[in-house]
């Protein structure tokens, strides 16, 4: 098994990112309920019945993904008050490239302060520098302007718009998806 996904805490100037533990479930539920209006159009799990059991299932799924080396989700905490403000994760990992997709969400009261851009930049650099990533992507609903803006502020370039790529969890309507990406050239083989 290739053990490269970070399982330790990561820090930026203003944030601490760390894997979730079961004790985090109440904070996740609180943030999800605070942010339902903002998350519901984009996140299938964001609904008014989101409960402790849902958060605990999410935490267990993240732990299972780390064990398979194909997924990492970090909870984001603001350093000044240790408040849980959202999640950021690596998905759709392909170690042969290496390629990673970043996904994220932020609680409503933390939006507009640059926290997610800071986290995306940090995780992008980690993947490039530590895991030799050659491709990083962020996919978002074409109508999710804030998510696209985070990707663009982090330096990601618009690559594609795919028509009728997902159903809205809010009203089941078809939506287009955007792909924004960063790529780096392959490194010469150093084996000898």
C-alpha atoms as a PDB file:
ATOM      1  CA  UNK A   1       0.000   0.000   0.000  1.00  0.00           C
ATOM      2  CA  UNK A   2       1.330   3.457  -0.924  1.00  0.00           C
ATOM      3  CA  UNK A   3       1.275   5.564   2.262  1.00  0.00           C
ATOM      4  CA  UNK A   4       1.488   9.158   1.133  1.00  0.00           C
ATOM      5  CA  UNK A   5      -1.772  10.886   2.007  1.00  0.00           C
ATOM      6  CA  UNK A   6      -1.094  13.208   4.946  1.00  0.00           C
ATOM      7  CA  UNK A   7      -2.683  12.103   8.183  1.00  0.00           C
ATOM      8  CA  UNK A   8      -0.981  14.642  10.394  1.00  0.00           C
ATOM      9  CA  UNK A   9      -2.172  18.171  11.063  1.00  0.00           C
ATOM     10  CA  UNK A  10      -1.263  20.828   8.532  1.00  0.00           C
ATOM     11  CA  UNK A  11      -1.063  24.522   9.331  1.00  0.00           C
ATOM     12  CA  UNK A  12      -1.290  27.769   7.411  1.00  0.00           C
ATOM     13  CA  UNK A  13      -0.933  31.281   8.804  1.00  0.00           C
ATOM     14  CA  UNK A  14      -4.532  31.340  10.034  1.00  0.00           C
ATOM     15  CA  UNK A  15      -5.747  27.746   9.845  1.00  0.00           C
ATOM     16  CA  UNK A  16      -5.177  24.308  11.249  1.00  0.00           C
ATOM     17  CA  UNK A  17      -6.185  21.381   9.012  1.00  0.00           C
ATOM     18  CA  UNK A  18      -6.428  17.949  10.558  1.00  0.00           C
ATOM     19  CA  UNK A  19      -8.209  14.649   9.976  1.00  0.00           C
ATOM     20  CA  UNK A  20     -11.593  14.362  11.694  1.00  0.00           C
ATOM     21  CA  UNK A  21     -12.171  12.371  14.859  1.00  0.00           C
ATOM     22  CA  UNK A  22     -15.525  11.245  16.242  1.00  0.00           C
ATOM     23  CA  UNK A  23     -15.453  14.019  18.855  1.00  0.00           C
ATOM     24  CA  UNK A  24     -15.735  16.534  15.962  1.00  0.00           C
ATOM     25  CA  UNK A  25     -19.207  15.317  14.967  1.00  0.00           C
ATOM     26  CA  UNK A  26     -21.193  17.905  17.010  1.00  0.00           C
ATOM     27  CA  UNK A  27     -19.185  20.805  15.533  1.00  0.00           C
ATOM     28  CA  UNK A  28     -19.747  19.469  11.996  1.00  0.00           C
ATOM     29  CA  UNK A  29     -23.507  19.219  12.616  1.00  0.00           C
ATOM     30  CA  UNK A  30     -23.604  22.760  14.037  1.00  0.00           C
ATOM     31  CA  UNK A  31     -21.730  24.201  11.044  1.00  0.00           C
ATOM     32  CA  UNK A  32     -23.834  22.248   8.562  1.00  0.00           C
ATOM     33  CA  UNK A  33     -27.083  23.539  10.071  1.00  0.00           C
ATOM     34  CA  UNK A  34     -25.766  27.101  10.184  1.00  0.00           C
ATOM     35  CA  UNK A  35     -24.879  26.851   6.502  1.00  0.00           C
ATOM     36  CA  UNK A  36     -27.812  24.883   5.036  1.00  0.00           C
ATOM     37  CA  UNK A  37     -29.093  27.703   2.827  1.00  0.00           C
ATOM     38  CA  UNK A  38     -25.665  28.162   1.283  1.00  0.00           C
ATOM     39  CA  UNK A  39     -24.720  24.466   1.007  1.00  0.00           C
ATOM     40  CA  UNK A  40     -27.998  22.874  -0.016  1.00  0.00           C
ATOM     41  CA  UNK A  41     -27.845  23.760  -3.739  1.00  0.00           C
ATOM     42  CA  UNK A  42     -24.411  22.089  -4.085  1.00  0.00           C
ATOM     43  CA  UNK A  43     -24.030  19.396  -1.432  1.00  0.00           C
ATOM     44  CA  UNK A  44     -26.341  16.358  -1.482  1.00  0.00           C
ATOM     45  CA  UNK A  45     -25.758  15.717   2.229  1.00  0.00           C
ATOM     46  CA  UNK A  46     -26.811  19.242   3.289  1.00  0.00           C
ATOM     47  CA  UNK A  47     -30.404  18.891   4.514  1.00  0.00           C
ATOM     48  CA  UNK A  48     -32.376  19.943   7.582  1.00  0.00           C
ATOM     49  CA  UNK A  49     -32.297  16.403   9.008  1.00  0.00           C
ATOM     50  CA  UNK A  50     -28.484  16.250   9.017  1.00  0.00           C
ATOM     51  CA  UNK A  51     -27.696  14.738  12.415  1.00  0.00           C
ATOM     52  CA  UNK A  52     -24.908  13.425  14.619  1.00  0.00           C
ATOM     53  CA  UNK A  53     -25.117   9.977  13.000  1.00  0.00           C
ATOM     54  CA  UNK A  54     -24.565  11.565   9.563  1.00  0.00           C
ATOM     55  CA  UNK A  55     -21.470  13.398  10.793  1.00  0.00           C
ATOM     56  CA  UNK A  56     -20.136  10.232  12.413  1.00  0.00           C
ATOM     57  CA  UNK A  57     -20.657   8.303   9.140  1.00  0.00           C
ATOM     58  CA  UNK A  58     -18.796  11.064   7.284  1.00  0.00           C
ATOM     59  CA  UNK A  59     -15.898  10.838   9.748  1.00  0.00           C
ATOM     60  CA  UNK A  60     -15.712   7.053   9.418  1.00  0.00           C
ATOM     61  CA  UNK A  61     -15.798   7.275   5.607  1.00  0.00           C
ATOM     62  CA  UNK A  62     -12.897   9.735   5.706  1.00  0.00           C
ATOM     63  CA  UNK A  63     -10.890   7.420   7.966  1.00  0.00           C
ATOM     64  CA  UNK A  64     -11.569   4.480   5.626  1.00  0.00           C
ATOM     65  CA  UNK A  65     -10.398   6.541   2.641  1.00  0.00           C
ATOM     66  CA  UNK A  66      -7.119   7.410   4.343  1.00  0.00           C
ATOM     67  CA  UNK A  67      -6.523   3.718   4.987  1.00  0.00           C
ATOM     68  CA  UNK A  68      -7.038   3.049   1.250  1.00  0.00           C
ATOM     69  CA  UNK A  69      -4.691   5.963   0.350  1.00  0.00           C
ATOM     70  CA  UNK A  70      -7.228   7.447  -2.029  1.00  0.00           C
ATOM     71  CA  UNK A  71      -8.838  10.134   0.047  1.00  0.00           C
ATOM     72  CA  UNK A  72      -7.929  12.782   2.587  1.00  0.00           C
ATOM     73  CA  UNK A  73     -10.307  15.181   4.279  1.00  0.00           C
ATOM     74  CA  UNK A  74      -9.103  17.759   6.707  1.00  0.00           C
ATOM     75  CA  UNK A  75     -11.299  19.717   9.043  1.00  0.00           C
ATOM     76  CA  UNK A  76     -10.466  23.414   9.028  1.00  0.00           C
ATOM     77  CA  UNK A  77     -10.119  25.244  12.325  1.00  0.00           C
ATOM     78  CA  UNK A  78      -9.455  28.952  12.709  1.00  0.00           C
ATOM     79  CA  UNK A  79      -6.340  29.361  14.843  1.00  0.00           C
ATOM     80  CA  UNK A  80      -7.545  32.463  16.685  1.00  0.00           C
ATOM     81  CA  UNK A  81     -10.477  30.725  18.391  1.00  0.00           C
ATOM     82  CA  UNK A  82     -10.180  27.047  17.336  1.00  0.00           C
ATOM     83  CA  UNK A  83     -13.641  27.211  15.717  1.00  0.00           C
ATOM     84  CA  UNK A  84     -14.459  24.549  13.129  1.00  0.00           C
ATOM     85  CA  UNK A  85     -15.085  26.427   9.877  1.00  0.00           C
ATOM     86  CA  UNK A  86     -15.260  23.778   7.128  1.00  0.00           C
ATOM     87  CA  UNK A  87     -13.600  20.916   5.323  1.00  0.00           C
ATOM     88  CA  UNK A  88     -11.135  20.468   2.501  1.00  0.00           C
ATOM     89  CA  UNK A  89     -10.255  17.187   0.918  1.00  0.00           C
ATOM     90  CA  UNK A  90      -8.456  15.279  -1.792  1.00  0.00           C
ATOM     91  CA  UNK A  91     -10.610  13.066  -3.967  1.00  0.00           C
ATOM     92  CA  UNK A  92     -10.301  11.161  -7.244  1.00  0.00           C
ATOM     93  CA  UNK A  93      -6.672  10.352  -6.456  1.00  0.00           C
ATOM     94  CA  UNK A  94      -4.634   8.716  -9.206  1.00  0.00           C
ATOM     95  CA  UNK A  95      -1.129   7.894  -7.987  1.00  0.00           C
ATOM     96  CA  UNK A  96       0.048   6.902 -11.491  1.00  0.00           C
ATOM     97  CA  UNK A  97      -0.097  10.507 -12.721  1.00  0.00           C
ATOM     98  CA  UNK A  98      -0.130  11.679  -9.753  1.00  0.00           C
ATOM     99  CA  UNK A  99      -3.459  13.534  -9.886  1.00  0.00           C
ATOM    100  CA  UNK A 100      -5.673  14.929  -7.120  1.00  0.00           C
ATOM    101  CA  UNK A 101      -9.004  16.708  -7.015  1.00  0.00           C
ATOM    102  CA  UNK A 102      -9.742  19.167  -4.224  1.00  0.00           C
ATOM    103  CA  UNK A 103     -13.210  19.560  -2.748  1.00  0.00           C
ATOM    104  CA  UNK A 104     -14.287  21.911   0.013  1.00  0.00           C
ATOM    105  CA  UNK A 105     -17.043  23.673   1.899  1.00  0.00           C
ATOM    106  CA  UNK A 106     -17.021  26.512   4.400  1.00  0.00           C
ATOM    107  CA  UNK A 107     -19.517  27.468   7.089  1.00  0.00           C
ATOM    108  CA  UNK A 108     -21.492  30.599   6.326  1.00  0.00           C
ATOM    109  CA  UNK A 109     -19.980  32.782   9.063  1.00  0.00           C
ATOM    110  CA  UNK A 110     -16.460  32.078   7.738  1.00  0.00           C
ATOM    111  CA  UNK A 111     -17.192  32.965   4.098  1.00  0.00           C
ATOM    112  CA  UNK A 112     -15.555  36.082   2.665  1.00  0.00           C
ATOM    113  CA  UNK A 113     -12.338  36.079   4.703  1.00  0.00           C
ATOM    114  CA  UNK A 114     -10.066  34.170   2.301  1.00  0.00           C
ATOM    115  CA  UNK A 115      -9.849  31.085   4.511  1.00  0.00           C
ATOM    116  CA  UNK A 116     -10.707  28.594   1.797  1.00  0.00           C
ATOM    117  CA  UNK A 117      -8.360  30.167  -0.729  1.00  0.00           C
ATOM    118  CA  UNK A 118      -5.591  29.927   1.874  1.00  0.00           C
ATOM    119  CA  UNK A 119      -6.405  26.256   2.503  1.00  0.00           C
ATOM    120  CA  UNK A 120      -6.603  25.398  -1.217  1.00  0.00           C
ATOM    121  CA  UNK A 121      -3.245  27.032  -1.912  1.00  0.00           C
ATOM    122  CA  UNK A 122      -1.647  25.162   0.985  1.00  0.00           C
ATOM    123  CA  UNK A 123      -3.051  21.768  -0.019  1.00  0.00           C
ATOM    124  CA  UNK A 124      -2.135  22.377  -3.667  1.00  0.00           C
ATOM    125  CA  UNK A 125       1.476  23.135  -2.732  1.00  0.00           C
ATOM    126  CA  UNK A 126       1.589  20.085  -0.486  1.00  0.00           C
ATOM    127  CA  UNK A 127       0.423  17.845  -3.334  1.00  0.00           C
ATOM    128  CA  UNK A 128       2.865  19.388  -5.795  1.00  0.00           C
ATOM    129  CA  UNK A 129       5.894  19.470  -3.491  1.00  0.00           C
ATOM    130  CA  UNK A 130       5.420  16.358  -1.357  1.00  0.00           C
ATOM    131  CA  UNK A 131       3.499  14.033  -3.669  1.00  0.00           C
ATOM    132  CA  UNK A 132       4.900  15.275  -7.015  1.00  0.00           C
ATOM    133  CA  UNK A 133       1.423  16.055  -8.350  1.00  0.00           C
ATOM    134  CA  UNK A 134       1.292  16.711 -12.077  1.00  0.00           C
ATOM    135  CA  UNK A 135      -2.374  17.634 -12.123  1.00  0.00           C
ATOM    136  CA  UNK A 136      -4.707  19.220  -9.577  1.00  0.00           C
ATOM    137  CA  UNK A 137      -8.376  19.874 -10.309  1.00  0.00           C
ATOM    138  CA  UNK A 138     -11.315  21.575  -8.693  1.00  0.00           C
ATOM    139  CA  UNK A 139     -14.759  20.733 -10.061  1.00  0.00           C
ATOM    140  CA  UNK A 140     -17.807  22.779  -9.185  1.00  0.00           C
ATOM    141  CA  UNK A 141     -21.333  23.396 -10.355  1.00  0.00           C
ATOM    142  CA  UNK A 142     -21.298  26.045 -13.086  1.00  0.00           C
ATOM    143  CA  UNK A 143     -23.678  28.143 -10.976  1.00  0.00           C
ATOM    144  CA  UNK A 144     -21.514  27.944  -7.846  1.00  0.00           C
ATOM    145  CA  UNK A 145     -19.784  31.291  -8.309  1.00  0.00           C
ATOM    146  CA  UNK A 146     -18.090  31.339  -4.888  1.00  0.00           C
ATOM    147  CA  UNK A 147     -16.470  27.942  -5.404  1.00  0.00           C
ATOM    148  CA  UNK A 148     -15.168  28.978  -8.822  1.00  0.00           C
ATOM    149  CA  UNK A 149     -13.783  32.207  -7.355  1.00  0.00           C
ATOM    150  CA  UNK A 150     -11.876  30.282  -4.675  1.00  0.00           C
ATOM    151  CA  UNK A 151     -10.277  28.107  -7.369  1.00  0.00           C
ATOM    152  CA  UNK A 152      -9.365  31.117  -9.508  1.00  0.00           C
ATOM    153  CA  UNK A 153      -7.897  33.049  -6.552  1.00  0.00           C
ATOM    154  CA  UNK A 154      -5.766  29.968  -5.825  1.00  0.00           C
ATOM    155  CA  UNK A 155      -4.396  30.103  -9.396  1.00  0.00           C
ATOM    156  CA  UNK A 156      -6.500  27.379 -11.003  1.00  0.00           C
ATOM    157  CA  UNK A 157      -7.307  27.874 -14.687  1.00  0.00           C
ATOM    158  CA  UNK A 158     -10.682  27.187 -16.299  1.00  0.00           C
ATOM    159  CA  UNK A 159     -10.356  24.073 -18.422  1.00  0.00           C
ATOM    160  CA  UNK A 160     -13.807  22.767 -19.316  1.00  0.00           C
ATOM    161  CA  UNK A 161     -17.534  23.054 -18.921  1.00  0.00           C
ATOM    162  CA  UNK A 162     -19.346  19.722 -19.115  1.00  0.00           C
ATOM    163  CA  UNK A 163     -23.036  19.907 -19.960  1.00  0.00           C
ATOM    164  CA  UNK A 164     -25.685  18.136 -17.868  1.00  0.00           C
ATOM    165  CA  UNK A 165     -23.013  16.584 -15.644  1.00  0.00           C
ATOM    166  CA  UNK A 166     -24.923  16.432 -12.357  1.00  0.00           C
ATOM    167  CA  UNK A 167     -28.350  16.647 -10.795  1.00  0.00           C
ATOM    168  CA  UNK A 168     -28.967  19.380  -8.289  1.00  0.00           C
ATOM    169  CA  UNK A 169     -29.559  17.967  -4.809  1.00  0.00           C
ATOM    170  CA  UNK A 170     -31.919  20.903  -4.250  1.00  0.00           C
ATOM    171  CA  UNK A 171     -34.419  20.405  -7.082  1.00  0.00           C
ATOM    172  CA  UNK A 172     -33.039  17.493  -9.175  1.00  0.00           C
ATOM    173  CA  UNK A 173     -32.506  19.736 -12.211  1.00  0.00           C
ATOM    174  CA  UNK A 174     -29.588  19.109 -14.573  1.00  0.00           C
ATOM    175  CA  UNK A 175     -26.548  21.309 -14.098  1.00  0.00           C
ATOM    176  CA  UNK A 176     -23.295  21.861 -15.917  1.00  0.00           C
ATOM    177  CA  UNK A 177     -19.981  21.340 -14.136  1.00  0.00           C
ATOM    178  CA  UNK A 178     -16.785  23.362 -14.442  1.00  0.00           C
ATOM    179  CA  UNK A 179     -13.281  21.951 -14.232  1.00  0.00           C
ATOM    180  CA  UNK A 180     -10.467  24.253 -13.161  1.00  0.00           C
ATOM    181  CA  UNK A 181      -6.950  22.858 -13.073  1.00  0.00           C
ATOM    182  CA  UNK A 182      -3.274  23.372 -12.401  1.00  0.00           C
ATOM    183  CA  UNK A 183      -0.702  21.196 -14.144  1.00  0.00           C
ATOM    184  CA  UNK A 184       3.053  20.780 -13.993  1.00  0.00           C
ATOM    185  CA  UNK A 185       5.374  19.031 -16.450  1.00  0.00           C
ATOM    186  CA  UNK A 186       6.549  15.535 -15.743  1.00  0.00           C
ATOM    187  CA  UNK A 187       9.914  15.239 -14.020  1.00  0.00           C
ATOM    188  CA  UNK A 188      12.660  13.237 -15.689  1.00  0.00           C
ATOM    189  CA  UNK A 189      13.084   9.734 -14.297  1.00  0.00           C
ATOM    190  CA  UNK A 190      15.770   9.878 -11.593  1.00  0.00           C
ATOM    191  CA  UNK A 191      16.258   6.129 -11.402  1.00  0.00           C
ATOM    192  CA  UNK A 192      19.367   4.853 -12.834  1.00  0.00           C
END
